Protein backbone atom coordinates (compact mmCIF):
# COMPACT_ATOMS: atom_id res chain seq x y z
CA MET A 1 -19.15 -76.28 85.17
CA LYS A 2 -22.83 -76.60 84.32
CA TYR A 3 -25.23 -78.66 86.36
CA ARG A 4 -28.44 -80.36 85.37
CA LEU A 5 -31.16 -81.72 87.62
CA GLN A 6 -32.73 -85.13 87.16
CA LEU A 7 -35.23 -86.89 89.42
CA THR A 8 -35.72 -90.64 89.74
CA LYS A 9 -39.23 -92.09 89.46
CA ILE A 10 -39.31 -92.56 93.23
CA ALA A 11 -38.33 -88.93 93.86
CA LYS A 12 -40.99 -87.70 91.41
CA LYS A 13 -43.62 -89.82 93.14
CA GLU A 14 -42.57 -88.61 96.59
CA LEU A 15 -42.66 -85.00 95.39
CA THR A 16 -46.15 -85.30 93.85
CA CYS A 17 -47.51 -86.79 97.10
CA LEU A 18 -46.66 -83.60 98.99
CA GLU A 19 -48.86 -80.54 99.34
CA LYS A 20 -48.74 -78.11 96.40
CA SER A 21 -47.15 -75.34 98.50
CA ILE A 22 -44.37 -77.68 99.65
CA GLN A 23 -43.85 -78.94 96.08
CA LYS A 24 -43.45 -75.35 94.93
CA GLN A 25 -40.98 -74.56 97.74
CA ILE A 26 -38.86 -77.63 96.94
CA ALA A 27 -38.87 -76.97 93.18
CA GLN A 28 -37.92 -73.33 93.73
CA LYS A 29 -35.03 -74.25 96.02
CA LEU A 30 -33.73 -76.95 93.66
CA ARG A 31 -33.75 -74.42 90.80
CA PHE A 32 -31.78 -72.04 93.04
CA TYR A 33 -29.16 -74.70 93.76
CA ILE A 34 -28.76 -75.59 90.08
CA ALA A 35 -28.31 -71.92 89.13
CA GLN A 36 -25.23 -71.64 91.37
CA ASN A 37 -21.68 -72.14 90.09
CA ASN A 38 -21.11 -74.83 92.70
CA PRO A 39 -24.36 -76.25 94.10
CA LEU A 40 -22.40 -78.70 96.24
CA GLN A 41 -21.43 -75.84 98.55
CA TYR A 42 -25.06 -75.94 99.78
CA ALA A 43 -25.07 -79.73 100.15
CA LYS A 44 -23.95 -81.92 102.99
CA LYS A 45 -22.02 -85.09 102.26
CA LEU A 46 -23.69 -88.04 103.94
CA LYS A 47 -21.62 -90.32 106.15
CA ASN A 48 -23.75 -93.41 105.54
CA ASN A 49 -24.31 -93.24 101.83
CA TYR A 50 -26.65 -96.23 101.54
CA ILE A 51 -29.38 -93.86 100.28
CA GLY A 52 -27.20 -91.34 98.45
CA ALA A 53 -23.99 -89.36 98.63
CA TYR A 54 -25.30 -85.85 99.41
CA ARG A 55 -28.36 -84.05 100.70
CA PHE A 56 -29.92 -80.64 100.26
CA ARG A 57 -31.86 -79.18 103.17
CA ILE A 58 -35.13 -77.59 102.05
CA GLY A 59 -37.02 -76.48 105.12
CA ARG A 60 -38.19 -79.62 106.90
CA TYR A 61 -37.54 -81.73 103.83
CA ARG A 62 -34.40 -83.32 102.47
CA ALA A 63 -33.46 -84.08 98.88
CA ILE A 64 -30.97 -86.94 98.73
CA PHE A 65 -28.85 -87.05 95.58
CA ASP A 66 -25.79 -88.37 93.77
CA VAL A 67 -23.58 -86.52 91.31
CA GLU A 68 -22.85 -88.03 87.90
CA ASP A 69 -20.20 -86.38 85.74
CA ASN A 70 -20.99 -86.44 82.05
CA GLY A 71 -18.19 -84.51 80.34
CA LYS A 72 -18.75 -80.79 80.85
CA ILE A 73 -22.15 -81.23 82.48
CA SER A 74 -22.65 -82.72 85.93
CA ILE A 75 -26.03 -84.26 86.67
CA LEU A 76 -27.49 -83.99 90.14
CA LEU A 77 -29.60 -87.12 90.33
CA ILE A 78 -32.26 -86.63 93.00
CA LEU A 79 -32.93 -90.03 94.53
CA ARG A 80 -35.41 -89.27 97.33
CA ILE A 81 -37.42 -86.32 98.69
CA LYS A 82 -38.96 -86.81 102.11
CA HIS A 83 -39.54 -85.19 105.47
CA ARG A 84 -36.43 -85.06 107.64
CA LYS A 85 -37.92 -87.54 110.14
CA GLU A 86 -38.53 -90.15 107.46
CA ILE A 87 -35.68 -89.80 104.96
CA TYR A 88 -32.90 -91.50 106.92
CA LYS A 89 -34.88 -94.59 107.95
CA LYS A 90 -33.70 -97.79 106.28
CA GLN A 91 -36.27 -99.32 103.94
C-alpha cells in the first residue's frame, strides 16, 4: 500500500516555528517513514486519542497523526508537531 503525507495548518505552523536544523531533521525522518512499506510499524498508538491516533518519535519531538484510507493510498495526516514535554498537554 502507498502512503502519502499531509500536514494540517497547525502542524505546518508549529514546524516553521522550530529551528531550521530541527525542521530539517523532522522532514527527513517523516520522508523516511513514508518511504517504508508499513510506516505504522514505527508509530505508537496513543491510548488517549484526543489529539490523534498515533505518534512518531523524532528525537525530542513528536508528530501526532491520524490515518485516512483513500482507496489504494493511505494518507498520514500530521496533526501536531511539538516537543515531547508540550505535545501531550491538553489545550
